[in-house]
């Protein structure tokens, strides 16, 4: 890669692997580990939908396997909750009348995020909200992980969840308040005006006009209002979910989606992914050069590099 300057922020973004135990996404994870040894990365972000759905034990195994496979020394891995990751669709489709296969937020926290205690800033007292941020002090940059499936996990009289995380997307009032009060608060930081924020979510915060979008996010307009009010700090908003590469500008803020890592395509104009070749998967190495005012997403696997002015 070009431009190895110390001031460059580099985040590897890998999303929607829809992994199965022993599946070929372990090849992607191995490639990521190799790259992390040769390229200075500040973080690895896994953008959600870690596994395919199925029996709870198998799904949890898949999630642990792919997230553990991404771990490398001295480079934190930040999971983002996807709409498949609570596995609620398994009970719904099979009409089990129960929640025995649901992965509840407390379990997701224990399985994915508890090892990050002391490394990231959670919403204190609400760690199971599954949203948090991470600071890179020497680069005046904050990486923010949002949870756009921040719903109440309440069992209805029929035995299934009252709200199904597969299709119901939401930013809770508490998460909105946390973003408003905490994410853009740099008052205790040296050079507070210079701090920048890079935001990751699974579902696009605003879905209008997005290829591959499905259901609006409750609270999405309010979340965007908070982001827009602080846009002088915002570099870009990254997301997965839509299984499509796109860059859209909203209020002069880039909204950038990265193609699904899993080896299939949902749209005719997406690149082919051929198992057993370099094109079987996808991830981006996002390099942010504040001096140049440029963000480069260098593609590994199927697809093309992208350059965005910031």
Foldseek 3Di string as FASTA:
>chain_A
DPDQDPLKAKEWEAEAQQFFVVDPCLVVLVVLQVVVVPHPHQAYEYFENQHHADAQVRLLVSNLVNLVSNDDPPHYYQYAYDLCNQSLVHCVVVVVLASNNGQALVNCCVRPPPVCVVQWAAPPPPVSLSWTWGDDQVNLEIETHHHQLSDDQDADPSHGGPDRSNAATEDDPVNLVCCLPPVLDCVVHVVSLPHAYEYEHAAPLQCPPPQQHDDHRHCSVVSVVSCLVVVSRYAAYEYERSQDFDWDADNNHTYTYWHHFAQDGDDPPFFHADPPDFQRGKMWTWIQDVVVQKIWTCMGHGDHIDIDGD
